[in-house]
Amino acid sequence: MNKLGVCLGAAACIAVASAGAAHAFCGFYVSGSGAKLSNDATQVVLMREGTRTVLSMQNDYKGPLEDFAMVVPVPVVLKEADVKTLPRTVFSNTDSLGSPRLVEYWEEDPCPDPRPRTAMASRAYGASMEMADDKSAEPMKKQTVKIEAKFDVAEYKILILSATEAAGLETWLNQNGYKIPKDAEPLLRPYVEAGSKFFVAKVDPKKVTMEGNHAALSPLRFHYDSEDFALPIRLGMANSSGKQDLIVNIISADKRYEVANYKNVFIPTNFDVKPAVKTRFAEFYAALFDKTIEANPGAVVTEYAWTAVPNYHCDPCTDADISNPDLMTLGGDIVGGQIASGNFVLTRLHARYGKGDMKDDLRFREGKPVTGGREQWSKQGLEYGAAPSTQNFFQARYAVRHWWTGPVKCKNPQRGVWGGPPDGNYQPTLAAGKLAFAPRGKLAVASMVNRDLWEIGLKRQRTAPAPAPGPTATPPKPSGVKAMGFGALGTLLLLGLGVTIARRRRV
């Protein structure tokens, strides 16, 4: 069995001048016109069960459609029944579920109806109230490239190629009118030598819907069996002229994933920020992420790892979520089992790198369960960092808190009981989306945080004292788990919760 893994990130392949960076892409784009191609965002969701993988990919392409094609290495020969098109909404729902989130809390009156601090988890406001006849197909004279399969799906004309040498594949593409990236041949070579196949998807311009200057290409899904789990990012570097952002979304029945051949770190989470972050949340998070990479060069950052069951996918939840029909669309109909019944773990990994930063593809392994980023309190303060657990409940979560400023008329006020706004107007949880295009270099993280970020060695910029004292997280003692922080944690059970948690109801 071929053991080459495949692309499984949220990505794009060419630098966008206005953003100063690109999303990463595991293949590359070619065009017969030689014109500049731009792919602002290629989102990919991977579903994994055993050796079965379902890969769903959406492209946001700008450029000429004539003789355009995307070339992606795949481990096996795909058949027409293995490939289909999808609705675009499943990608935005997946991205929203795993995105970094910002919540807003108000301290309740410290005197009436005092409550024990363990009830604060139930006051975690921000959780949603409801979970709710192509000439290019002609063979070369020198048979170094073979067309293994040929079929059409929607607007795509798909070829599955195999090659015995990288130079032959490069020649084949050039002879068929495509101007491939200059440095493609040495990048193609390891995949050819590993025996991978190449998914080449051309586009029929007559069948494409345009949205402004963007081609609204239908998302593609295909599935295959492969033992190894890896991401061929090196081929995507052929089109790169700057930093690339790679977000990997992996859905499995019961496992969290991490990289096996690069350093793993967890994003600093669960700290309070200034109210100004509300209008600049994506920019703030991009700056925080960059500081995390600066402190951990070459690392891949875990941003989300959460065990979802029917009726409980997140806490707090943003304005979109993965529904059961979404799970089936993304591959539940193929892998079946727990995922098809609505039980899954979503892992979100994030990397940012330049052309010379990554010397090897990303290779994945199962990670131990962790928890962190929840509104869980103890005598030591708020849950800190990422810590070992029996199940995965980790998220990148930040809070704006408003301390009680009214009169305190009792002798023993109960401080730090958090809830919604006094006027009862619901404040939705904010998600940080389109991070590759967030402004960079204009926001100082230290001026926006309310505590030192010990995890990455960042000192906060000191300001006037807070209007009222309250419990804060304290640095953990050293532990045997690498790249994780520890604090006292509350126990969260999926069944028999002792606190009231806002839930989404799934259909």
Protein backbone atom coordinates (compact mmCIF):
# COMPACT_ATOMS: atom_id res chain seq x y z
CA MET A 1 0.00 0.00 0.00
CA ASN A 2 1.27 3.45 -0.85
CA LYS A 3 2.07 5.28 2.38
CA LEU A 4 2.12 8.88 1.18
CA GLY A 5 -0.28 11.15 3.05
CA VAL A 6 -2.20 14.02 1.53
CA CYS A 7 -3.16 17.64 1.93
CA LEU A 8 -5.37 18.40 4.88
CA GLY A 9 -5.22 22.07 5.76
CA ALA A 10 -6.97 25.36 5.16
CA ALA A 11 -4.74 26.88 2.53
CA ALA A 12 -3.81 28.93 -0.54
CA CYS A 13 -0.80 28.79 -2.80
CA ILE A 14 0.26 32.24 -4.00
CA ALA A 15 1.12 35.30 -1.96
CA VAL A 16 -1.49 38.05 -1.95
CA ALA A 17 0.18 41.46 -2.12
CA SER A 18 -2.36 43.25 0.08
CA ALA A 19 -2.10 40.66 2.84
CA GLY A 20 1.65 40.13 2.71
CA ALA A 21 1.10 36.40 3.06
CA ALA A 22 -0.75 33.47 1.59
CA HIS A 23 -2.62 30.48 2.81
CA ALA A 24 -0.63 27.29 2.27
CA PHE A 25 -1.59 24.75 -0.35
CA CYS A 26 -0.36 21.18 -0.69
CA GLY A 27 -0.36 21.27 -4.51
CA PHE A 28 0.20 24.04 -7.00
CA TYR A 29 -1.70 25.85 -9.74
CA VAL A 30 -0.74 26.00 -13.41
CA SER A 31 -2.13 27.89 -16.39
CA GLY A 32 -1.50 27.89 -20.11
CA SER A 33 -1.72 31.68 -20.28
CA GLY A 34 1.24 32.29 -17.99
CA ALA A 35 -0.81 34.95 -16.19
CA LYS A 36 -0.53 35.45 -12.44
CA LEU A 37 -2.78 33.14 -10.46
CA SER A 38 -4.14 34.00 -7.04
CA ASN A 39 -5.93 31.75 -4.57
CA ASP A 40 -7.00 33.78 -1.58
CA ALA A 41 -8.15 30.78 0.43
CA THR A 42 -8.20 27.04 -0.07
CA GLN A 43 -10.05 25.43 2.79
CA VAL A 44 -9.62 21.73 3.40
CA VAL A 45 -11.33 19.51 5.97
CA LEU A 46 -10.01 16.03 6.56
CA MET A 47 -12.01 13.20 8.08
CA ARG A 48 -10.00 10.24 9.33
CA GLU A 49 -11.14 6.83 10.57
CA GLY A 50 -8.65 3.96 10.64
CA THR A 51 -6.82 4.12 7.30
CA ARG A 52 -9.79 5.71 5.51
CA THR A 53 -9.43 9.41 4.70
CA VAL A 54 -12.02 11.78 3.23
CA LEU A 55 -10.56 15.06 1.95
CA SER A 56 -12.85 18.02 1.20
CA MET A 57 -11.37 21.12 -0.46
CA GLN A 58 -12.74 24.53 -1.42
CA ASN A 59 -10.85 27.03 -3.61
CA ASP A 60 -11.29 30.80 -3.79
CA TYR A 61 -9.46 31.36 -7.08
CA LYS A 62 -8.70 34.58 -8.97
CA GLY A 63 -7.18 34.51 -12.45
CA PRO A 64 -7.82 33.18 -15.97
CA LEU A 65 -9.81 29.97 -16.16
CA GLU A 66 -8.58 28.88 -19.59
CA ASP A 67 -6.12 25.99 -19.24
CA PHE A 68 -6.15 26.43 -15.47
CA ALA A 69 -5.58 23.33 -13.37
CA MET A 70 -4.65 22.43 -9.85
CA VAL A 71 -2.17 19.62 -9.26
CA VAL A 72 -2.34 17.74 -5.95
CA PRO A 73 -0.43 14.57 -4.97
CA VAL A 74 -2.67 11.72 -3.79
CA PRO A 75 -1.67 8.27 -2.53
CA VAL A 76 -3.88 6.13 -4.81
CA VAL A 77 -5.65 6.21 -8.17
CA LEU A 78 -9.02 7.90 -7.60
CA LYS A 79 -12.11 6.73 -9.44
CA GLU A 80 -15.11 8.80 -10.47
CA ALA A 81 -17.17 7.35 -7.60
CA ASP A 82 -14.53 8.63 -5.15
CA VAL A 83 -14.94 12.28 -6.18
CA LYS A 84 -17.92 14.61 -5.71
CA THR A 85 -18.72 18.31 -5.23
CA LEU A 86 -20.04 19.86 -2.00
CA PRO A 87 -21.93 22.94 -0.76
CA ARG A 88 -19.64 25.74 0.46
CA THR A 89 -21.33 26.20 3.84
CA VAL A 90 -19.75 23.09 5.38
CA PHE A 91 -16.34 24.82 5.32
CA SER A 92 -17.45 27.99 7.05
CA ASN A 93 -19.26 25.93 9.69
CA THR A 94 -16.18 23.83 10.38
CA ASP A 95 -13.93 26.88 10.55
CA SER A 96 -16.31 28.64 12.92
CA LEU A 97 -16.52 25.70 15.32
CA GLY A 98 -12.74 25.54 15.81
CA SER A 99 -11.90 29.25 15.56
CA PRO A 100 -10.40 31.25 18.45
CA ARG A 101 -13.24 32.94 20.31
CA LEU A 102 -13.84 36.06 22.38
CA VAL A 103 -16.49 36.19 25.10
CA GLU A 104 -17.75 39.05 27.28
CA TYR A 105 -18.78 38.78 30.95
CA TRP A 106 -20.22 41.14 33.54
CA GLU A 107 -19.69 40.70 37.28
CA GLU A 108 -22.99 40.28 39.07
CA ASP A 109 -24.03 42.22 42.17
CA PRO A 110 -21.67 40.93 44.91
CA CYS A 111 -24.29 41.16 47.64
CA PRO A 112 -27.66 39.65 46.68
CA ASP A 113 -27.92 35.89 46.52
CA PRO A 114 -24.24 34.98 46.96
CA ARG A 115 -23.14 31.89 45.06
CA PRO A 116 -20.17 29.58 45.51
CA ARG A 117 -17.37 30.04 43.03
CA THR A 118 -17.98 26.61 41.53
CA ALA A 119 -21.16 28.04 40.03
CA MET A 120 -19.16 30.40 37.85
CA ALA A 121 -18.89 27.82 35.10
CA SER A 122 -22.67 27.95 34.81
CA ARG A 123 -22.47 31.72 34.48
CA ALA A 124 -20.12 31.54 31.50
CA TYR A 125 -21.91 33.99 29.30
CA GLY A 126 -21.16 33.83 25.61
CA ALA A 127 -22.25 30.24 25.13
CA SER A 128 -25.08 30.22 22.65
CA MET A 129 -28.52 29.57 23.99
CA GLU A 130 -29.16 26.92 21.36
CA MET A 131 -26.68 24.58 19.70
CA ALA A 132 -28.71 25.22 17.52
CA ASP A 133 -12.26 15.41 -25.57
CA ASP A 134 -9.29 17.09 -24.06
CA LYS A 135 -6.02 17.26 -26.04
CA SER A 136 -4.05 17.28 -22.84
CA ALA A 137 -5.15 13.69 -22.30
CA GLU A 138 -3.04 12.51 -25.26
CA PRO A 139 -0.04 10.46 -24.08
CA MET A 140 3.53 11.68 -24.45
CA LYS A 141 5.81 10.03 -26.93
CA LYS A 142 8.05 9.08 -24.03
CA GLN A 143 5.88 7.11 -21.63
CA THR A 144 7.06 8.60 -18.33
CA VAL A 145 3.53 9.79 -17.53
CA LYS A 146 0.42 7.64 -17.61
CA ILE A 147 -3.20 8.74 -17.42
CA GLU A 148 -4.64 6.35 -14.84
CA ALA A 149 -8.19 7.76 -14.88
CA LYS A 150 -10.19 10.44 -16.65
CA PHE A 151 -13.67 11.73 -15.75
CA ASP A 152 -15.77 14.88 -15.31
CA VAL A 153 -17.38 16.08 -12.07
CA ALA A 154 -19.49 19.27 -12.32
CA GLU A 155 -17.24 21.99 -13.84
CA TYR A 156 -14.07 19.93 -13.35
CA LYS A 157 -12.29 17.80 -15.96
CA ILE A 158 -10.22 15.45 -13.86
CA LEU A 159 -7.14 13.42 -14.75
CA ILE A 160 -5.32 11.08 -12.39
CA LEU A 161 -1.70 10.83 -13.48
CA SER A 162 1.20 8.60 -12.50
CA ALA A 163 4.81 9.30 -13.42
CA THR A 164 8.10 7.42 -13.35
CA GLU A 165 10.21 10.56 -13.09
CA ALA A 166 9.61 14.13 -11.96
CA ALA A 167 11.21 15.66 -15.04
CA GLY A 168 8.84 13.63 -17.19
CA LEU A 169 5.82 14.95 -15.31
CA GLU A 170 7.14 18.51 -15.62
CA THR A 171 7.65 17.95 -19.38
CA TRP A 172 4.16 16.48 -19.75
CA LEU A 173 2.57 19.53 -18.15
CA ASN A 174 4.63 21.91 -20.29
CA GLN A 175 3.90 19.99 -23.50
CA ASN A 176 0.20 20.23 -22.72
CA GLY A 177 0.31 24.00 -22.46
CA TYR A 178 0.82 24.57 -18.73
CA LYS A 179 3.46 26.92 -17.36
CA ILE A 180 4.28 25.24 -14.06
CA PRO A 181 6.29 26.96 -11.30
CA LYS A 182 10.01 27.29 -12.01
CA ASP A 183 11.14 25.18 -9.06
CA ALA A 184 8.52 22.45 -9.39
CA GLU A 185 10.70 19.56 -10.60
CA PRO A 186 12.77 19.03 -7.40
CA LEU A 187 9.60 19.42 -5.34
CA LEU A 188 7.76 16.86 -7.46
CA ARG A 189 10.62 14.36 -7.23
CA PRO A 190 10.01 12.95 -3.69
CA TYR A 191 6.34 12.36 -4.47
CA VAL A 192 7.11 10.62 -7.78
CA GLU A 193 9.76 8.47 -6.06
CA ALA A 194 7.25 7.58 -3.33
CA GLY A 195 4.83 6.32 -5.97
CA SER A 196 2.15 8.93 -5.47
CA LYS A 197 -0.41 9.80 -8.12
CA PHE A 198 -1.35 13.32 -9.19
CA PHE A 199 -4.87 14.71 -9.13
CA VAL A 200 -5.09 17.24 -12.01
CA ALA A 201 -8.40 19.13 -12.10
CA LYS A 202 -9.03 21.43 -15.05
CA VAL A 203 -12.02 23.76 -15.21
CA ASP A 204 -14.66 24.20 -17.91
CA PRO A 205 -15.15 28.02 -17.97
CA LYS A 206 -18.67 27.62 -19.36
CA LYS A 207 -19.77 25.86 -16.19
CA VAL A 208 -18.20 28.25 -13.66
CA THR A 209 -20.16 30.88 -11.72
CA MET A 210 -18.30 34.16 -11.20
CA GLU A 211 -18.70 36.24 -8.03
CA GLY A 212 -17.07 39.56 -8.89
CA ASN A 213 -13.53 38.74 -9.96
CA HIS A 214 -13.58 35.39 -8.14
CA ALA A 215 -14.46 32.08 -9.73
CA ALA A 216 -16.89 30.37 -7.38
CA LEU A 217 -15.47 26.90 -7.95
CA SER A 218 -17.46 24.03 -6.47
CA PRO A 219 -15.77 22.41 -3.47
CA LEU A 220 -14.36 18.95 -4.16
CA ARG A 221 -14.36 15.82 -2.01
CA PHE A 222 -12.50 12.58 -2.55
CA HIS A 223 -11.62 9.60 -0.37
CA TYR A 224 -8.99 6.87 -0.26
CA ASP A 225 -7.21 4.41 2.04
CA SER A 226 -3.66 5.09 3.22
CA GLU A 227 -1.78 3.90 6.31
CA ASP A 228 0.39 6.96 6.92
CA PHE A 229 -0.99 10.36 7.84
CA ALA A 230 1.09 13.20 6.34
CA LEU A 231 0.75 16.56 4.61
CA PRO A 232 2.89 17.23 1.48
CA ILE A 233 3.45 20.92 2.08
CA ARG A 234 6.72 21.13 0.14
CA LEU A 235 4.98 20.98 -3.23
CA GLY A 236 2.84 23.95 -2.24
CA MET A 237 5.97 26.03 -1.70
CA ALA A 238 6.56 26.16 -5.46
CA ASN A 239 4.14 29.09 -5.78
CA SER A 240 5.11 30.80 -2.55
CA SER A 241 6.69 34.25 -2.45
CA GLY A 242 6.14 34.98 1.24
CA LYS A 243 4.83 33.56 4.48
CA GLN A 244 2.16 30.90 4.20
CA ASP A 245 -0.60 30.25 6.72
CA LEU A 246 -1.71 26.65 7.15
CA ILE A 247 -4.74 25.66 9.23
CA VAL A 248 -5.34 21.94 9.52
CA ASN A 249 -8.87 20.77 10.45
CA ILE A 250 -9.11 17.06 11.26
CA ILE A 251 -12.29 15.26 12.25
CA SER A 252 -11.95 11.85 13.87
CA ALA A 253 -14.17 9.65 15.99
CA ASP A 254 -12.25 9.95 19.27
CA LYS A 255 -8.68 11.21 18.69
CA ARG A 256 -6.78 14.47 18.84
CA TYR A 257 -3.92 14.83 16.35
CA GLU A 258 -0.56 16.61 16.52
CA VAL A 259 2.59 16.63 14.38
CA ALA A 260 5.23 13.95 14.85
CA ASN A 261 8.22 15.67 13.22
CA TYR A 262 7.94 19.29 14.40
CA LYS A 263 7.54 20.89 17.81
CA ASN A 264 3.98 21.04 19.20
CA VAL A 265 2.82 23.97 21.33
CA PHE A 266 -0.55 25.14 22.59
CA ILE A 267 -1.73 28.68 21.98
CA PRO A 268 -1.86 30.75 25.20
CA THR A 269 -5.49 30.73 26.24
CA ASN A 270 -7.98 31.73 28.94
CA PHE A 271 -6.85 35.23 29.82
CA ASP A 272 -8.63 38.57 29.94
CA VAL A 273 -8.11 41.28 27.33
CA LYS A 274 -8.92 44.96 26.96
CA PRO A 275 -12.35 45.95 25.55
CA ALA A 276 -10.61 47.38 22.45
CA VAL A 277 -9.94 43.80 21.31
CA LYS A 278 -13.65 43.45 20.46
CA THR A 279 -13.24 45.50 17.27
CA ARG A 280 -9.82 44.06 16.38
CA PHE A 281 -10.12 40.45 17.45
CA ALA A 282 -8.70 38.79 14.30
CA GLU A 283 -5.81 41.27 14.32
CA PHE A 284 -5.20 40.64 18.03
CA TYR A 285 -5.21 36.89 17.61
CA ALA A 286 -2.88 37.02 14.59
CA ALA A 287 -0.45 39.08 16.70
CA LEU A 288 -0.72 36.60 19.58
CA PHE A 289 -0.11 33.71 17.20
CA ASP A 290 2.95 35.44 15.73
CA LYS A 291 4.36 36.00 19.24
CA THR A 292 3.80 32.31 20.00
CA ILE A 293 5.73 31.27 16.88
CA GLU A 294 8.45 33.81 17.69
CA ALA A 295 8.90 32.12 21.07
CA ASN A 296 8.70 28.63 19.47
CA PRO A 297 10.32 28.78 16.00
CA GLY A 298 9.16 26.09 13.62
CA ALA A 299 6.37 24.91 15.90
CA VAL A 300 2.87 23.84 14.93
CA VAL A 301 0.24 25.36 17.23
CA THR A 302 -2.80 23.55 18.59
CA GLU A 303 -5.76 25.94 18.71
CA TYR A 304 -8.66 23.58 19.26
CA ALA A 305 -9.29 19.96 20.30
CA TRP A 306 -12.83 19.28 21.47
CA THR A 307 -14.94 16.18 21.99
CA ALA A 308 -18.37 16.73 20.48
CA VAL A 309 -21.45 14.63 21.17
CA PRO A 310 -25.03 15.16 20.02
CA ASN A 311 -26.42 18.36 21.60
CA TYR A 312 -23.03 19.42 23.01
CA HIS A 313 -20.44 20.62 20.49
CA CYS A 314 -18.87 23.64 22.17
CA ASP A 315 -18.85 25.93 25.20
CA PRO A 316 -19.08 28.75 24.35
CA CYS A 317 -20.36 28.40 20.80
CA THR A 318 -19.99 30.87 17.97
CA ASP A 319 -22.70 31.72 15.44
CA ALA A 320 -22.09 28.61 13.30
CA ASP A 321 -21.50 24.94 14.01
CA ILE A 322 -21.11 21.59 12.29
CA SER A 323 -24.51 19.92 11.92
CA ASN A 324 -25.12 16.20 11.48
CA PRO A 325 -25.86 16.75 7.75
CA ASP A 326 -22.50 18.60 7.53
CA LEU A 327 -20.74 15.59 9.03
CA MET A 328 -22.32 13.31 6.46
CA THR A 329 -21.38 15.71 3.66
CA LEU A 330 -17.76 15.84 4.85
CA GLY A 331 -17.44 12.05 4.86
CA GLY A 332 -19.64 10.55 7.54
CA ASP A 333 -21.39 8.63 4.78
CA ILE A 334 -18.04 7.05 3.92
CA VAL A 335 -16.47 6.34 7.32
CA GLY A 336 -19.71 5.63 9.21
CA GLY A 337 -19.37 4.65 12.87
CA GLN A 338 -19.33 7.22 15.66
CA ILE A 339 -18.87 10.17 13.32
CA ALA A 340 -22.00 9.31 11.37
CA SER A 341 -23.93 9.29 14.67
CA GLY A 342 -22.67 12.75 15.64
CA ASN A 343 -19.77 11.84 17.96
CA PHE A 344 -16.40 13.29 16.94
CA VAL A 345 -13.26 15.17 17.93
CA LEU A 346 -12.30 18.26 15.93
CA THR A 347 -8.59 19.16 15.98
CA ARG A 348 -7.37 22.49 14.62
CA LEU A 349 -3.62 22.92 14.02
CA HIS A 350 -2.02 26.15 12.78
CA ALA A 351 1.40 26.73 11.21
CA ARG A 352 3.00 29.75 9.54
CA TYR A 353 6.19 29.41 7.54
CA GLY A 354 8.31 30.72 4.69
CA LYS A 355 9.66 28.87 1.68
CA GLY A 356 12.83 27.72 3.43
CA ASP A 357 11.41 27.06 6.89
CA MET A 358 9.98 23.57 6.44
CA LYS A 359 12.45 20.86 5.40
CA ASP A 360 9.96 18.01 5.54
CA ASP A 361 6.26 17.39 5.08
CA LEU A 362 4.03 17.44 8.15
CA ARG A 363 3.55 13.98 9.62
CA PHE A 364 0.74 13.38 12.09
CA ARG A 365 0.25 11.18 15.11
CA GLU A 366 -2.42 10.70 17.74
CA GLY A 367 -2.09 13.13 20.67
CA LYS A 368 -3.11 12.52 24.28
CA PRO A 369 -6.35 14.22 25.41
CA VAL A 370 -6.02 17.73 26.85
CA THR A 371 -8.29 20.32 28.39
CA GLY A 372 -8.03 24.09 28.72
CA GLY A 373 -9.60 27.40 27.80
CA ARG A 374 -12.88 26.94 29.71
CA GLU A 375 -14.62 29.07 32.34
CA GLN A 376 -13.56 26.67 35.09
CA TRP A 377 -12.46 28.13 38.45
CA SER A 378 -10.74 26.80 41.57
CA LYS A 379 -9.08 28.31 44.64
CA GLN A 380 -6.01 28.97 42.50
CA GLY A 381 -8.04 30.91 39.94
CA LEU A 382 -9.12 30.35 36.37
CA GLU A 383 -8.15 27.20 34.48
CA TYR A 384 -4.69 27.73 33.01
CA GLY A 385 -3.02 26.50 29.81
CA ALA A 386 -3.45 22.98 28.47
CA ALA A 387 -3.38 20.01 30.81
CA PRO A 388 -3.78 16.22 30.49
CA SER A 389 -7.34 14.97 30.69
CA THR A 390 -9.46 11.93 30.00
CA GLN A 391 -11.20 13.70 27.10
CA ASN A 392 -10.39 16.59 24.77
CA PHE A 393 -11.80 19.98 25.79
CA PHE A 394 -9.24 22.56 24.70
CA GLN A 395 -9.95 25.85 22.92
CA ALA A 396 -8.41 29.27 22.26
CA ARG A 397 -10.72 31.48 24.35
CA TYR A 398 -10.33 35.06 25.60
CA ALA A 399 -12.59 37.28 27.68
CA VAL A 400 -13.52 40.90 28.19
CA ARG A 401 -14.71 41.31 31.79
CA HIS A 402 -16.64 44.19 33.31
CA TRP A 403 -16.29 44.39 37.09
CA TRP A 404 -19.24 45.49 39.22
CA THR A 405 -19.13 49.27 39.67
CA GLY A 406 -22.33 49.70 41.68
CA PRO A 407 -22.58 49.99 45.47
CA VAL A 408 -21.44 47.13 47.69
CA LYS A 409 -23.80 47.12 50.69
CA CYS A 410 -22.94 43.89 52.50
CA LYS A 411 -20.11 42.90 54.84
CA ASN A 412 -19.12 39.77 52.93
CA PRO A 413 -19.47 40.50 49.21
CA GLN A 414 -19.10 37.56 46.83
CA ARG A 415 -16.79 38.79 44.07
CA GLY A 416 -16.12 37.18 40.74
CA VAL A 417 -19.54 35.77 39.88
CA TRP A 418 -19.89 36.33 36.14
CA GLY A 419 -22.93 36.49 33.91
CA GLY A 420 -24.50 38.31 31.01
CA PRO A 421 -25.01 42.05 30.55
CA PRO A 422 -27.21 43.80 33.14
CA ASP A 423 -29.70 44.89 30.48
CA GLY A 424 -30.15 41.30 29.31
CA ASN A 425 -29.11 42.00 25.71
CA TYR A 426 -27.36 38.92 24.35
CA GLN A 427 -23.75 39.46 23.26
CA PRO A 428 -22.71 36.83 20.68
CA THR A 429 -19.38 35.07 20.96
CA LEU A 430 -16.90 36.46 18.43
CA ALA A 431 -14.81 34.15 16.23
CA ALA A 432 -11.46 35.10 14.71
CA GLY A 433 -11.77 34.24 11.02
CA LYS A 434 -9.64 34.83 7.88
CA LEU A 435 -6.52 35.07 10.01
CA ALA A 436 -4.10 35.02 7.06
CA PHE A 437 -5.57 38.35 5.92
CA ALA A 438 -5.68 40.05 9.33
CA PRO A 439 -3.49 43.19 9.60
CA ARG A 440 -0.08 42.38 11.05
CA GLY A 441 2.54 44.48 12.81
CA LYS A 442 0.15 47.23 13.95
CA LEU A 443 -1.09 45.89 17.29
CA ALA A 444 1.02 45.30 20.39
CA VAL A 445 -0.23 42.24 22.25
CA ALA A 446 1.32 43.46 25.51
CA SER A 447 -0.97 46.51 25.50
CA MET A 448 -4.11 44.40 25.14
CA VAL A 449 -3.70 41.69 27.78
CA ASN A 450 -4.48 41.83 31.50
CA ARG A 451 -1.78 39.43 32.67
CA ASP A 452 1.75 38.42 31.71
CA LEU A 453 1.79 35.60 29.18
CA TRP A 454 4.27 33.33 30.95
CA GLU A 455 3.80 30.68 28.26
CA ILE A 456 5.63 32.79 25.66
CA GLY A 457 7.66 35.07 27.91
CA LEU A 458 5.59 38.20 27.21
CA LYS A 459 5.22 40.94 29.83
CA ARG A 460 2.00 42.91 29.72
CA GLN A 461 2.10 46.66 29.41
CA ARG A 462 1.23 48.01 32.86
CA THR A 463 -1.77 50.31 33.25
CA ALA A 464 -3.87 51.62 36.12
CA PRO A 465 -5.10 48.97 38.62
CA ALA A 466 -8.34 47.15 37.90
CA PRO A 467 -11.44 48.69 39.53
CA ALA A 468 -11.98 45.63 41.71
CA PRO A 469 -9.83 42.67 42.77
CA GLY A 470 -10.57 39.20 41.55
CA PRO A 471 -8.99 35.76 41.25
CA THR A 472 -6.47 35.29 38.48
CA ALA A 473 -4.59 32.33 37.11
CA THR A 474 -1.12 31.73 38.55
CA PRO A 475 1.88 30.16 36.79
CA PRO A 476 1.84 26.37 37.09
CA LYS A 477 4.57 24.27 38.60
CA PRO A 478 6.84 22.40 36.14
CA SER A 479 5.30 19.26 34.76
CA GLY A 480 6.30 16.27 32.71
CA VAL A 481 4.06 17.21 29.81
CA LYS A 482 5.98 19.24 27.25
CA ALA A 483 4.67 22.59 26.04
CA MET A 484 1.64 22.61 28.35
CA GLY A 485 0.69 24.73 31.33
CA PHE A 486 -1.08 23.43 34.40
CA GLY A 487 -3.49 24.83 36.92
CA ALA A 488 -6.21 23.37 39.07
CA LEU A 489 -8.96 22.13 36.81
CA GLY A 490 -12.65 21.53 37.32
CA THR A 491 -13.96 18.15 36.19
CA LEU A 492 -16.26 18.24 33.16
CA LEU A 493 -18.48 15.25 32.43
CA LEU A 494 -20.47 14.85 29.26
CA LEU A 495 -23.33 13.26 31.15
CA GLY A 496 -24.73 14.35 34.49
CA LEU A 497 -23.27 17.85 34.46
CA GLY A 498 -23.68 19.49 37.83
CA VAL A 499 -23.90 22.96 36.32
CA THR A 500 -26.19 24.54 33.81
CA ILE A 501 -24.42 24.86 30.48
CA ALA A 502 -25.85 26.59 27.43
CA ARG A 503 -26.12 24.01 24.72
CA ARG A 504 -26.83 23.86 21.02
CA ARG A 505 -29.63 21.60 19.95
CA ARG A 506 -28.83 19.62 16.86
CA VAL A 507 -31.33 18.29 14.38
